[in-house]
């Protein structure tokens, strides 16, 4: 394959995933405005005078996430297919498979894992509620459709590109090379280790948002790592067994199911 053809293939892969991921970043940036305004309101007049205008702050936030997205996409392009991880969209639009090989079985697994993860996470969260600070319990009230849509777009698509396509692929590739398994595909242990480690990082990355609401006490940290770790492990397993799109669908369905179930529980309470 010539350098020109390889470069075009990389650009196509990058373009497909970047367009998908940037939609979530745009939605997340827009819906973050009220939270940023609250944080700015806590600043003293002297410090506030040194802060750029709100519009510039939001633009910089969106740009930061876009850069992380671009880096993650490029890492995944370099690592994912080398270690047996895949994307059906790339298979179809870039590698020109006859059709998108997204089976009914894969869809059932994605939706089933999404539903099961929702039930487990909501149940554990409910059991932990008495030990949580009041401000965090108040934040767990019935979600609105805007926040849920943002979670589906940013969480279900952008986060999966960042965490699974980028980070998990990189971790599998590093272990694969480090253990000199380059002749064959990585062992199951490498995939499983990368899934768990990525899920742990996924949980840690949710702590700053929690810290904006309440102090990070041990129980608050454990809750964030446990709930997000369970979800991240489930999505990582789907990426390993099926595809990036399987992980995305499960993540999207997780937030959709959580929106519906949380609404029902709030009405019954």
Foldseek 3Di string as FASTA:
>chain_A
DDPVLVVVLLVVQLVVQLVLQLVLLVLVLVVCLVLVVVVLVPDDPVVNVVDDDSVVVSVVSSVVLSVLLSQQSNQLVVFQVLQPFAALVSCCPRVNDVDRPCDPVLLCLLLVLLLVLLVVLVVVCVVCVVVDDPQVNVVLAQDDPSVLVSCLRNVLRNVLSNQQSGQLRNQLRCVCVVVVVSVDHDDPVSLLVSQQVSLQVQLVVCVVVVCSRDPDDPSNSCSSSVSSSSLSSSLSVSSNVPHSVSSSSSSSSNSVSNNVVSVVVNVVD
